[in-house]
Amino acid sequence: MIKSNTILGVAVCVTALSISLNGWSASPAGLVDLTYAAEKAVPAVVHIKVKTNSQTRMVEVQDPWGDFFSDPFGFFGNPGGGGSQRRQVQTPPREASGSGVIITNDGYIVTNNHVVDGADEITVTLNDNREFAARIIGTDKTTDLALIKVDSKNLPFLTVGDSDKLKVGEWVIAVGNPFNLNSTVTAGIVSAKARSLYANGVESFIQTDAAINSGNSGGALVNTNGELVGINAMLYSQTGSYAGYGFAIPTTIMNKVVSDLREYGTVQRALLAIVGQDAHNYIDAQKAKGTEVDLGTNEGVYVSKVEDNGAAKAAGVAEGDVIVSLDGKKVSKMAELQEILANKRPGDKVKIGYLHNKSKKEQTVTLKNAQGNTDVVKTADLDVLGVNLKEISDTQKSTLNISYGLEVIKVNKGKMQEAGITKGFIITKVNDEAMKSLSDLQRVVKEASTSNEPVLIIQGLNPAGVKKYFAVQLN
């Protein structure tokens, strides 16, 4: 394995032999000088330090005696020993650090959500040692991106490039603050594009062998023209340290997230409303079961489920079909489909191409949001809950004998999943307030998250119509 300092050594050695071509340098032997890219990037990459204050949280604590003394033999369905209780615990203050990239001269900075998540104080240090307090403009857990801002003018910033134009084998540098080593530059090539690691809800990573370590999170992946093409997010390692590959979020995804966070405070996410996987993975899985499958292609996204009232359903897409193009772009795997959708908003019209019984079909459809409409979502407060919701229908109101409620139509990783809330649960009240619309829940969540007791007491009905209560801790 070639170490990063060896790669950098080569780059330095060939500097004198290079011929400058619009910002990138190539020698007759094809070697590349990365000093121009480093000179552009280093001043615009910042060191981010975060502090999280001590907090009081409610947690489940196992009680070895349970309710032994009140019901020692479990005659009433609650045997002693092995019970649990919710108790308050005090978490210690926490400090952490990462990197960020200045993208405007007035102080907008992109970083990873996991760098600033839960922070009470954020301090940004520039390469010239100037320090600024920063505030969060918005975060997006689904892509692991965050936008923060410092109040200053005429700051150095990186020009944003087009990650779509990156080619496998192209030279790039990673700039960040690994292990609190400020302004560290490592170099490598683009090893692959549109990688899925199943770490985020939306991902289409640029894979690189430029060394990325702890503290590089939120830093810059830069091409030889000195343009930002990705936000470094994670490394692939069994030890926690660099083991050959790192992964960056492409600017094609970043641009849309940043634009939405600045305008709306949350990401306007357009969906096809399908469940699927890479077609070749499905074929391989069936082959392992002894079943040969002919989908008419080995590329594309195999559709295993189509949600009602979604864009895919309107286009005629059915279970077993294979999506092969979207918005005029070829789709060979799920990560590519996600990257295209990440640039769209609810209400956008796109042409979808798919194979049905190996026959090619195309339809133009209107993309919708998770609630099945094209409305603008103006707050990110529900992201932490990890659920998709919709107002209940008149039929549900009549069947359950209720006049309002919000149905949980999908459960992702988040606070509601942790509390035990499942798909089909109908929320009727939160903190004793009636839930007649999504805006009611958004308001209550926002109020609770800024209160001294950030807890949601949720009342509702399970799919069988049985009344249930849940406590959801927001911190």
Foldseek 3Di string as FASTA:
>chain_A
DDDQVNLVVVLVVCVVQWDDDLQWTAHPVGDTRQVSLLVQAQQFKKKKKFKAAKAKDWDKDWDQQFCCVVACPCPVVGHTGGHIDIDIDIDHMDMAMAMWGAADQQFKIKFFCVGCPNGPWMWIAGPVGDIFTKDWLAHDQQERMTIIGGGDGRGRGAAADELVPFDFFFKKWQFWQAPNNGTDITIWTFHDWQDDPVPHNAAIKGKTQTFDAGRSGNTFIAGSSNHGFWGWHAADDPVRGHDGMTITGGVLLVVQQVVCSNPQVGHQAWDQQFDWWFQLVVQVVCVVVVDHDCQLDNFAIQTQGHDPLFFNVVQVDDHGKGWQDKQHGGGGTDNVVSSVRSNDHQQDWMKTWIADSNRIDIDITGTHGLQNHRDDDRYPLCVQAQFRWYKDDPVVCVVLVHDTWIFTQDGDDHQNVVQPDDGGWTWQDKPRHGPRDPVVVSVVQVVLVPDSQNKIWTWTAHNVSDIDITIGGSD
